Amino acid sequence: MLVDFDTLPDESRVWIYQANRSFTEEEIAEIESKLNTFIEAWTAHGKDLQSGYKVVYKRFIVIALNQNLNNATGCSIDASVRFIQQLEQDYNVDLMDKMNVSYKQGEFIAYKPLLDFKKMAKQKAVSKNTIVFNNLVNNIAEFKDNWEVPASESWHSRFIK
């Protein structure tokens, strides 16, 4: 059951998929149409899953699930992963690789493999004040407060002296 992301309770579970490139406006319109169709039909053991999504910065797909009504199950999570994998194929984009880092460079979102980010930290090309995206947040409350934070306030801090 598709609902507006912003109406979901703060404890709703989130999954964040970061793209290795920005989506075009046309791609975003297509992806949103596909997300609408997928989420409207998304179920767990035949029960509707109240969910919403956001596409943020033309680069992140954020899916949220109100677990107060129904929890995701292994099968429903598998279905969402298959859906994201299909988007990867459809748009020739990487959405599942967790070993990459996205961060802000001025108004732009940069995307680097973790090894490159570590090197940049050693070279002081990024600092504790660099705004990073902590895609490990678990729910909407954490997404609002801890997703877009200085590196010093995220797991990224271990690489920055």
N, C-alpha and C. Protein backbone atom coordinates (compact mmCIF):
# COMPACT_ATOMS: atom_id res chain seq x y z
N MET A 1 0.84 -1.17 0.00
CA MET A 1 0.00 0.00 0.00
C MET A 1 0.90 1.24 0.00
N LEU A 2 0.86 1.97 -1.09
CA LEU A 2 1.68 3.15 -1.27
C LEU A 2 1.10 4.34 -0.52
N VAL A 3 1.93 4.97 0.31
CA VAL A 3 1.55 6.21 1.00
C VAL A 3 2.68 7.22 0.84
N ASP A 4 2.38 8.46 1.10
CA ASP A 4 3.38 9.51 1.05
C ASP A 4 4.45 9.24 2.11
N PHE A 5 5.70 9.23 1.70
CA PHE A 5 6.84 8.97 2.60
C PHE A 5 6.74 9.83 3.86
N ASP A 6 6.40 11.10 3.69
CA ASP A 6 6.40 12.04 4.81
C ASP A 6 5.26 11.82 5.81
N THR A 7 4.33 10.92 5.49
CA THR A 7 3.25 10.61 6.43
C THR A 7 3.55 9.38 7.27
N LEU A 8 4.63 8.68 6.95
CA LEU A 8 4.97 7.46 7.69
C LEU A 8 5.54 7.82 9.07
N PRO A 9 5.29 6.97 10.08
CA PRO A 9 5.82 7.25 11.42
C PRO A 9 7.34 7.19 11.45
N ASP A 10 7.93 7.93 12.39
CA ASP A 10 9.39 8.02 12.50
C ASP A 10 10.07 6.68 12.71
N GLU A 11 9.37 5.72 13.31
CA GLU A 11 10.00 4.42 13.55
C GLU A 11 9.94 3.50 12.33
N SER A 12 9.39 3.97 11.23
CA SER A 12 9.34 3.16 10.01
C SER A 12 10.74 2.81 9.54
N ARG A 13 10.90 1.56 9.15
CA ARG A 13 12.19 1.07 8.67
C ARG A 13 12.53 1.68 7.32
N VAL A 14 13.81 1.96 7.10
CA VAL A 14 14.23 2.50 5.79
C VAL A 14 15.34 1.65 5.19
N TRP A 15 15.33 1.64 3.86
CA TRP A 15 16.40 1.06 3.07
C TRP A 15 16.85 2.16 2.12
N ILE A 16 18.16 2.39 2.06
CA ILE A 16 18.69 3.44 1.20
C ILE A 16 19.60 2.81 0.15
N TYR A 17 19.31 3.15 -1.08
CA TYR A 17 20.11 2.67 -2.21
C TYR A 17 20.73 3.87 -2.89
N GLN A 18 22.07 3.92 -2.90
CA GLN A 18 22.75 5.05 -3.52
C GLN A 18 23.25 4.65 -4.89
N ALA A 19 23.02 5.53 -5.84
CA ALA A 19 23.43 5.29 -7.22
C ALA A 19 24.84 5.80 -7.43
N ASN A 20 25.56 5.15 -8.33
CA ASN A 20 26.93 5.56 -8.63
C ASN A 20 26.96 6.72 -9.64
N ARG A 21 25.79 7.22 -9.99
CA ARG A 21 25.70 8.40 -10.84
C ARG A 21 24.35 9.05 -10.59
N SER A 22 24.20 10.28 -11.03
CA SER A 22 22.91 10.95 -10.91
C SER A 22 21.95 10.41 -11.96
N PHE A 23 20.69 10.34 -11.60
CA PHE A 23 19.66 9.98 -12.56
C PHE A 23 19.22 11.22 -13.32
N THR A 24 18.82 11.05 -14.56
CA THR A 24 18.25 12.16 -15.33
C THR A 24 16.81 12.38 -14.87
N GLU A 25 16.24 13.51 -15.21
CA GLU A 25 14.84 13.78 -14.86
C GLU A 25 13.92 12.73 -15.47
N GLU A 26 14.21 12.34 -16.69
CA GLU A 26 13.41 11.32 -17.37
C GLU A 26 13.51 9.98 -16.63
N GLU A 27 14.73 9.60 -16.22
CA GLU A 27 14.92 8.35 -15.48
C GLU A 27 14.17 8.40 -14.15
N ILE A 28 14.23 9.54 -13.47
CA ILE A 28 13.55 9.67 -12.17
C ILE A 28 12.05 9.47 -12.35
N ALA A 29 11.47 10.06 -13.39
CA ALA A 29 10.04 9.89 -13.65
C ALA A 29 9.71 8.41 -13.88
N GLU A 30 10.54 7.72 -14.65
CA GLU A 30 10.32 6.29 -14.91
C GLU A 30 10.49 5.47 -13.63
N ILE A 31 11.54 5.77 -12.87
CA ILE A 31 11.81 5.03 -11.63
C ILE A 31 10.67 5.24 -10.65
N GLU A 32 10.19 6.47 -10.53
CA GLU A 32 9.07 6.74 -9.61
C GLU A 32 7.82 5.98 -10.04
N SER A 33 7.58 5.89 -11.33
CA SER A 33 6.44 5.12 -11.82
C SER A 33 6.59 3.65 -11.45
N LYS A 34 7.80 3.12 -11.62
CA LYS A 34 8.06 1.72 -11.27
C LYS A 34 7.95 1.50 -9.76
N LEU A 35 8.45 2.46 -8.97
CA LEU A 35 8.32 2.37 -7.51
C LEU A 35 6.85 2.38 -7.10
N ASN A 36 6.06 3.25 -7.71
CA ASN A 36 4.63 3.30 -7.41
C ASN A 36 3.99 1.93 -7.62
N THR A 37 4.28 1.33 -8.77
CA THR A 37 3.71 0.02 -9.10
C THR A 37 4.19 -1.05 -8.14
N PHE A 38 5.51 -1.08 -7.87
CA PHE A 38 6.06 -2.10 -6.97
C PHE A 38 5.47 -1.97 -5.57
N ILE A 39 5.52 -0.77 -4.99
CA ILE A 39 5.09 -0.60 -3.60
C ILE A 39 3.59 -0.82 -3.45
N GLU A 40 2.82 -0.42 -4.44
CA GLU A 40 1.37 -0.63 -4.38
C GLU A 40 1.05 -2.12 -4.26
N ALA A 41 1.87 -2.97 -4.86
CA ALA A 41 1.63 -4.41 -4.86
C ALA A 41 2.46 -5.16 -3.80
N TRP A 42 3.34 -4.47 -3.07
CA TRP A 42 4.25 -5.11 -2.14
C TRP A 42 3.49 -5.67 -0.94
N THR A 43 3.69 -6.94 -0.66
CA THR A 43 2.99 -7.60 0.45
C THR A 43 3.95 -8.50 1.21
N ALA A 44 3.51 -8.89 2.40
CA ALA A 44 4.20 -9.89 3.22
C ALA A 44 3.16 -10.90 3.64
N HIS A 45 3.28 -12.12 3.18
CA HIS A 45 2.31 -13.19 3.48
C HIS A 45 0.89 -12.72 3.17
N GLY A 46 0.73 -12.04 2.03
CA GLY A 46 -0.58 -11.62 1.58
C GLY A 46 -1.11 -10.35 2.22
N LYS A 47 -0.35 -9.78 3.16
CA LYS A 47 -0.79 -8.56 3.83
C LYS A 47 -0.08 -7.36 3.20
N ASP A 48 -0.83 -6.29 2.97
CA ASP A 48 -0.25 -5.07 2.41
C ASP A 48 0.83 -4.51 3.32
N LEU A 49 1.87 -3.97 2.70
CA LEU A 49 2.93 -3.29 3.44
C LEU A 49 2.76 -1.79 3.19
N GLN A 50 2.49 -1.04 4.24
CA GLN A 50 2.32 0.40 4.10
C GLN A 50 3.71 1.02 3.93
N SER A 51 3.97 1.52 2.74
CA SER A 51 5.31 1.98 2.38
C SER A 51 5.26 3.25 1.55
N GLY A 52 6.37 3.93 1.57
CA GLY A 52 6.55 5.10 0.72
C GLY A 52 8.00 5.18 0.30
N TYR A 53 8.29 6.15 -0.53
CA TYR A 53 9.66 6.30 -1.01
C TYR A 53 9.96 7.75 -1.31
N LYS A 54 11.24 8.03 -1.45
CA LYS A 54 11.74 9.32 -1.91
C LYS A 54 12.91 9.05 -2.83
N VAL A 55 13.06 9.88 -3.84
CA VAL A 55 14.29 9.91 -4.62
C VAL A 55 14.95 11.24 -4.23
N VAL A 56 16.14 11.15 -3.63
CA VAL A 56 16.78 12.32 -3.05
C VAL A 56 18.06 12.65 -3.82
N TYR A 57 18.26 13.92 -4.11
CA TYR A 57 19.45 14.40 -4.81
C TYR A 57 19.69 13.70 -6.15
N LYS A 58 18.64 13.21 -6.76
CA LYS A 58 18.73 12.51 -8.05
C LYS A 58 19.66 11.30 -7.98
N ARG A 59 19.94 10.83 -6.76
CA ARG A 59 20.96 9.80 -6.59
C ARG A 59 20.60 8.70 -5.59
N PHE A 60 19.71 8.98 -4.68
CA PHE A 60 19.37 8.02 -3.63
C PHE A 60 17.90 7.62 -3.74
N ILE A 61 17.66 6.32 -3.66
CA ILE A 61 16.30 5.81 -3.56
C ILE A 61 16.12 5.35 -2.12
N VAL A 62 15.16 5.96 -1.43
CA VAL A 62 14.90 5.64 -0.03
C VAL A 62 13.49 5.03 0.05
N ILE A 63 13.42 3.82 0.52
CA ILE A 63 12.14 3.13 0.70
C ILE A 63 11.90 2.98 2.19
N ALA A 64 10.69 3.33 2.63
CA ALA A 64 10.34 3.22 4.05
C ALA A 64 9.12 2.32 4.21
N LEU A 65 9.09 1.61 5.32
CA LEU A 65 8.02 0.66 5.62
C LEU A 65 7.52 0.88 7.04
N ASN A 66 6.22 1.09 7.17
CA ASN A 66 5.59 1.22 8.49
C ASN A 66 5.44 -0.17 9.09
N GLN A 67 6.34 -0.51 9.99
CA GLN A 67 6.31 -1.84 10.61
C GLN A 67 5.29 -1.93 11.74
N ASN A 68 4.65 -0.81 12.08
CA ASN A 68 3.59 -0.86 13.10
C ASN A 68 2.39 -1.64 12.57
N LEU A 69 2.21 -1.65 11.25
CA LEU A 69 1.08 -2.38 10.66
C LEU A 69 1.47 -3.80 10.32
N ASN A 70 2.50 -3.97 9.50
CA ASN A 70 2.99 -5.29 9.11
C ASN A 70 4.50 -5.23 8.91
N ASN A 71 5.18 -6.26 9.35
CA ASN A 71 6.63 -6.35 9.17
C ASN A 71 6.98 -6.92 7.81
N ALA A 72 8.12 -6.51 7.31
CA ALA A 72 8.65 -7.16 6.12
C ALA A 72 9.08 -8.56 6.50
N THR A 73 8.98 -9.47 5.56
CA THR A 73 9.43 -10.85 5.78
C THR A 73 10.58 -11.12 4.83
N GLY A 74 11.20 -12.27 4.98
CA GLY A 74 12.29 -12.64 4.07
C GLY A 74 11.87 -12.55 2.62
N CYS A 75 10.67 -13.06 2.33
CA CYS A 75 10.18 -13.05 0.95
C CYS A 75 9.92 -11.63 0.45
N SER A 76 9.36 -10.79 1.30
CA SER A 76 9.07 -9.42 0.85
C SER A 76 10.35 -8.62 0.69
N ILE A 77 11.33 -8.86 1.54
CA ILE A 77 12.62 -8.19 1.39
C ILE A 77 13.31 -8.68 0.12
N ASP A 78 13.24 -9.98 -0.12
CA ASP A 78 13.80 -10.53 -1.36
C ASP A 78 13.15 -9.87 -2.58
N ALA A 79 11.85 -9.67 -2.53
CA ALA A 79 11.14 -9.04 -3.64
C ALA A 79 11.65 -7.61 -3.87
N SER A 80 11.90 -6.88 -2.78
CA SER A 80 12.39 -5.50 -2.93
C SER A 80 13.81 -5.50 -3.49
N VAL A 81 14.63 -6.46 -3.09
CA VAL A 81 16.00 -6.56 -3.62
C VAL A 81 15.95 -6.88 -5.11
N ARG A 82 15.09 -7.81 -5.50
CA ARG A 82 14.95 -8.13 -6.92
C ARG A 82 14.49 -6.89 -7.71
N PHE A 83 13.60 -6.11 -7.14
CA PHE A 83 13.13 -4.89 -7.78
C PHE A 83 14.29 -3.92 -7.99
N ILE A 84 15.10 -3.72 -6.96
CA ILE A 84 16.26 -2.81 -7.06
C ILE A 84 17.26 -3.35 -8.07
N GLN A 85 17.50 -4.65 -8.06
CA GLN A 85 18.42 -5.25 -9.04
C GLN A 85 17.91 -5.04 -10.47
N GLN A 86 16.61 -5.09 -10.65
CA GLN A 86 16.05 -4.84 -11.98
C GLN A 86 16.28 -3.38 -12.39
N LEU A 87 16.15 -2.45 -11.43
CA LEU A 87 16.45 -1.05 -11.73
C LEU A 87 17.91 -0.89 -12.14
N GLU A 88 18.80 -1.62 -11.46
CA GLU A 88 20.21 -1.57 -11.82
C GLU A 88 20.40 -1.95 -13.29
N GLN A 89 19.75 -3.02 -13.69
CA GLN A 89 19.87 -3.47 -15.08
C GLN A 89 19.22 -2.49 -16.05
N ASP A 90 18.02 -2.02 -15.71
CA ASP A 90 17.27 -1.13 -16.60
C ASP A 90 18.01 0.18 -16.87
N TYR A 91 18.75 0.67 -15.86
CA TYR A 91 19.38 1.99 -15.97
C TYR A 91 20.91 1.93 -15.96
N ASN A 92 21.46 0.72 -16.03
CA ASN A 92 22.91 0.55 -16.04
C ASN A 92 23.55 1.38 -14.93
N VAL A 93 23.10 1.11 -13.71
CA VAL A 93 23.54 1.86 -12.55
C VAL A 93 23.78 0.88 -11.40
N ASP A 94 24.67 1.23 -10.49
CA ASP A 94 24.96 0.42 -9.32
C ASP A 94 24.20 1.01 -8.13
N LEU A 95 23.32 0.22 -7.53
CA LEU A 95 22.54 0.67 -6.36
C LEU A 95 22.80 -0.16 -5.11
N MET A 96 23.45 -1.30 -5.26
CA MET A 96 23.56 -2.25 -4.15
C MET A 96 24.94 -2.30 -3.49
N ASP A 97 25.94 -1.70 -4.07
CA ASP A 97 27.29 -1.82 -3.54
C ASP A 97 27.45 -0.93 -2.32
N LYS A 98 27.56 -1.56 -1.17
CA LYS A 98 27.69 -0.82 0.11
C LYS A 98 29.13 -0.39 0.38
N MET A 99 30.06 -0.75 -0.49
CA MET A 99 31.46 -0.40 -0.28
C MET A 99 31.84 0.89 -0.99
N ASN A 100 30.86 1.74 -1.19
CA ASN A 100 31.10 3.05 -1.80
C ASN A 100 30.57 4.12 -0.87
N VAL A 101 31.13 5.31 -1.02
CA VAL A 101 30.79 6.43 -0.15
C VAL A 101 30.28 7.59 -0.99
N SER A 102 29.19 8.19 -0.54
CA SER A 102 28.72 9.43 -1.16
C SER A 102 28.88 10.55 -0.14
N TYR A 103 29.30 11.70 -0.64
CA TYR A 103 29.51 12.86 0.22
C TYR A 103 29.32 14.12 -0.59
N LYS A 104 29.16 15.22 0.12
CA LYS A 104 28.94 16.49 -0.56
C LYS A 104 30.26 17.18 -0.85
N GLN A 105 30.33 17.71 -2.05
CA GLN A 105 31.42 18.61 -2.44
C GLN A 105 30.73 19.87 -2.92
N GLY A 106 30.58 20.82 -2.00
CA GLY A 106 29.81 22.01 -2.33
C GLY A 106 28.37 21.60 -2.59
N GLU A 107 27.86 21.99 -3.76
CA GLU A 107 26.48 21.66 -4.13
C GLU A 107 26.35 20.28 -4.77
N PHE A 108 27.47 19.63 -5.04
CA PHE A 108 27.47 18.37 -5.77
C PHE A 108 27.59 17.18 -4.83
N ILE A 109 27.08 16.04 -5.28
CA ILE A 109 27.22 14.80 -4.54
C ILE A 109 28.31 13.99 -5.25
N ALA A 110 29.36 13.68 -4.50
CA ALA A 110 30.46 12.87 -5.03
C ALA A 110 30.25 11.43 -4.58
N TYR A 111 30.78 10.52 -5.37
CA TYR A 111 30.62 9.09 -5.12
C TYR A 111 31.98 8.45 -5.35
N LYS A 112 32.50 7.78 -4.34
CA LYS A 112 33.83 7.16 -4.44
C LYS A 112 33.82 5.77 -3.83
N PRO A 113 34.63 4.88 -4.39
CA PRO A 113 34.84 3.60 -3.70
C PRO A 113 35.44 3.88 -2.31
N LEU A 114 35.13 3.04 -1.36
CA LEU A 114 35.60 3.23 0.01
C LEU A 114 37.12 3.38 0.07
N LEU A 115 37.86 2.60 -0.71
CA LEU A 115 39.32 2.70 -0.70
C LEU A 115 39.78 4.11 -1.12
N ASP A 116 39.13 4.67 -2.13
CA ASP A 116 39.48 6.03 -2.58
C ASP A 116 39.14 7.05 -1.50
N PHE A 117 38.01 6.86 -0.81
CA PHE A 117 37.62 7.77 0.26
C PHE A 117 38.66 7.72 1.39
N LYS A 118 39.13 6.52 1.72
CA LYS A 118 40.17 6.39 2.76
C LYS A 118 41.43 7.14 2.35
N LYS A 119 41.84 7.00 1.09
CA LYS A 119 43.02 7.72 0.60
C LYS A 119 42.80 9.22 0.68
N MET A 120 41.62 9.67 0.29
CA MET A 120 41.31 11.10 0.36
C MET A 120 41.37 11.61 1.79
N ALA A 121 40.94 10.79 2.73
CA ALA A 121 41.01 11.18 4.14
C ALA A 121 42.46 11.33 4.59
N LYS A 122 43.30 10.38 4.18
CA LYS A 122 44.72 10.46 4.53
C LYS A 122 45.37 11.70 3.93
N GLN A 123 44.94 12.05 2.72
CA GLN A 123 45.50 13.22 2.04
C GLN A 123 44.81 14.52 2.46
N LYS A 124 43.88 14.39 3.41
CA LYS A 124 43.11 15.54 3.92
C LYS A 124 42.27 16.22 2.84
N ALA A 125 41.89 15.46 1.81
CA ALA A 125 40.99 15.97 0.76
C ALA A 125 39.55 15.97 1.25
N VAL A 126 39.27 15.16 2.27
CA VAL A 126 38.00 15.21 3.00
C VAL A 126 38.35 15.34 4.47
N SER A 127 37.46 15.95 5.23
CA SER A 127 37.74 16.20 6.64
C SER A 127 36.59 15.74 7.51
N LYS A 128 36.75 15.92 8.81
CA LYS A 128 35.68 15.55 9.74
C LYS A 128 34.42 16.38 9.50
N ASN A 129 34.57 17.52 8.82
CA ASN A 129 33.43 18.38 8.54
C ASN A 129 32.76 18.08 7.20
N THR A 130 33.36 17.21 6.39
CA THR A 130 32.77 16.83 5.11
C THR A 130 31.42 16.18 5.38
N ILE A 131 30.39 16.62 4.67
CA ILE A 131 29.06 16.05 4.83
C ILE A 131 29.00 14.73 4.06
N VAL A 132 28.71 13.67 4.80
CA VAL A 132 28.62 12.33 4.22
C VAL A 132 27.18 11.82 4.38
N PHE A 133 26.89 10.76 3.64
CA PHE A 133 25.58 10.15 3.71
C PHE A 133 25.72 8.80 4.41
N ASN A 134 25.13 8.70 5.58
CA ASN A 134 25.20 7.48 6.38
C ASN A 134 24.02 6.58 5.99
N ASN A 135 24.24 5.73 5.01
CA ASN A 135 23.18 4.88 4.50
C ASN A 135 22.86 3.70 5.41
N LEU A 136 23.47 3.67 6.59
CA LEU A 136 23.21 2.60 7.55
C LEU A 136 22.10 2.96 8.53
N VAL A 137 21.48 4.12 8.37
CA VAL A 137 20.39 4.48 9.27
C VAL A 137 19.27 3.45 9.14
N ASN A 138 18.54 3.24 10.23
CA ASN A 138 17.55 2.17 10.27
C ASN A 138 16.10 2.60 10.08
N ASN A 139 15.79 3.85 10.45
CA ASN A 139 14.40 4.27 10.40
C ASN A 139 14.30 5.73 9.97
N ILE A 140 13.07 6.20 9.81
CA ILE A 140 12.86 7.56 9.31
C ILE A 140 13.43 8.60 10.28
N ALA A 141 13.30 8.38 11.58
CA ALA A 141 13.86 9.34 12.55
C ALA A 141 15.37 9.47 12.35
N GLU A 142 16.06 8.34 12.21
CA GLU A 142 17.50 8.39 11.97
C GLU A 142 17.80 8.99 10.60
N PHE A 143 16.97 8.69 9.62
CA PHE A 143 17.15 9.28 8.29
C PHE A 143 17.09 10.80 8.38
N LYS A 144 16.12 11.32 9.11
CA LYS A 144 15.96 12.77 9.24
C LYS A 144 17.15 13.40 9.97
N ASP A 145 17.63 12.73 11.02
CA ASP A 145 18.64 13.33 11.90
C ASP A 145 20.08 12.91 11.62
N ASN A 146 20.29 11.72 11.08
CA ASN A 146 21.65 11.17 11.02
C ASN A 146 22.07 10.66 9.65
N TRP A 147 21.30 10.94 8.63
CA TRP A 147 21.67 10.46 7.30
C TRP A 147 22.70 11.37 6.65
N GLU A 148 22.46 12.65 6.71
CA GLU A 148 23.31 13.65 6.07
C GLU A 148 24.03 14.40 7.19
N VAL A 149 25.23 13.95 7.51
CA VAL A 149 25.93 14.46 8.69
C VAL A 149 27.42 14.69 8.41
N PRO A 150 28.08 15.48 9.25
CA PRO A 150 29.54 15.59 9.13
C PRO A 150 30.18 14.22 9.35
N ALA A 151 31.25 13.95 8.64
CA ALA A 151 31.93 12.64 8.74
C ALA A 151 32.26 12.29 10.18
N SER A 152 32.54 13.30 11.01
CA SER A 152 32.89 13.05 12.41
C SER A 152 31.74 12.42 13.19
N GLU A 153 30.50 12.53 12.67
CA GLU A 153 29.33 11.99 13.37
C GLU A 153 28.80 10.71 12.72
N SER A 154 29.60 10.09 11.88
CA SER A 154 29.17 8.91 11.16
C SER A 154 30.23 7.82 11.26
N TRP A 155 29.91 6.66 10.74
CA TRP A 155 30.89 5.57 10.72
C TRP A 155 32.11 5.94 9.89
N HIS A 156 31.99 6.95 9.04
CA HIS A 156 33.11 7.41 8.21
C HIS A 156 34.24 7.98 9.08
N SER A 157 33.94 8.36 10.30
CA SER A 157 34.92 9.03 11.17
C SER A 157 36.16 8.17 11.41
N ARG A 158 36.02 6.86 11.32
CA ARG A 158 37.17 5.98 11.58
C ARG A 158 38.31 6.20 10.57
N PHE A 159 38.01 6.83 9.45
CA PHE A 159 39.03 7.04 8.42
C PHE A 159 39.67 8.43 8.48
N ILE A 160 39.10 9.30 9.29
CA ILE A 160 39.54 10.70 9.30
C ILE A 160 40.20 10.99 10.64
N LYS A 161 41.42 11.45 10.55
CA LYS A 161 42.21 11.76 11.75
C LYS A 161 41.98 13.20 12.18
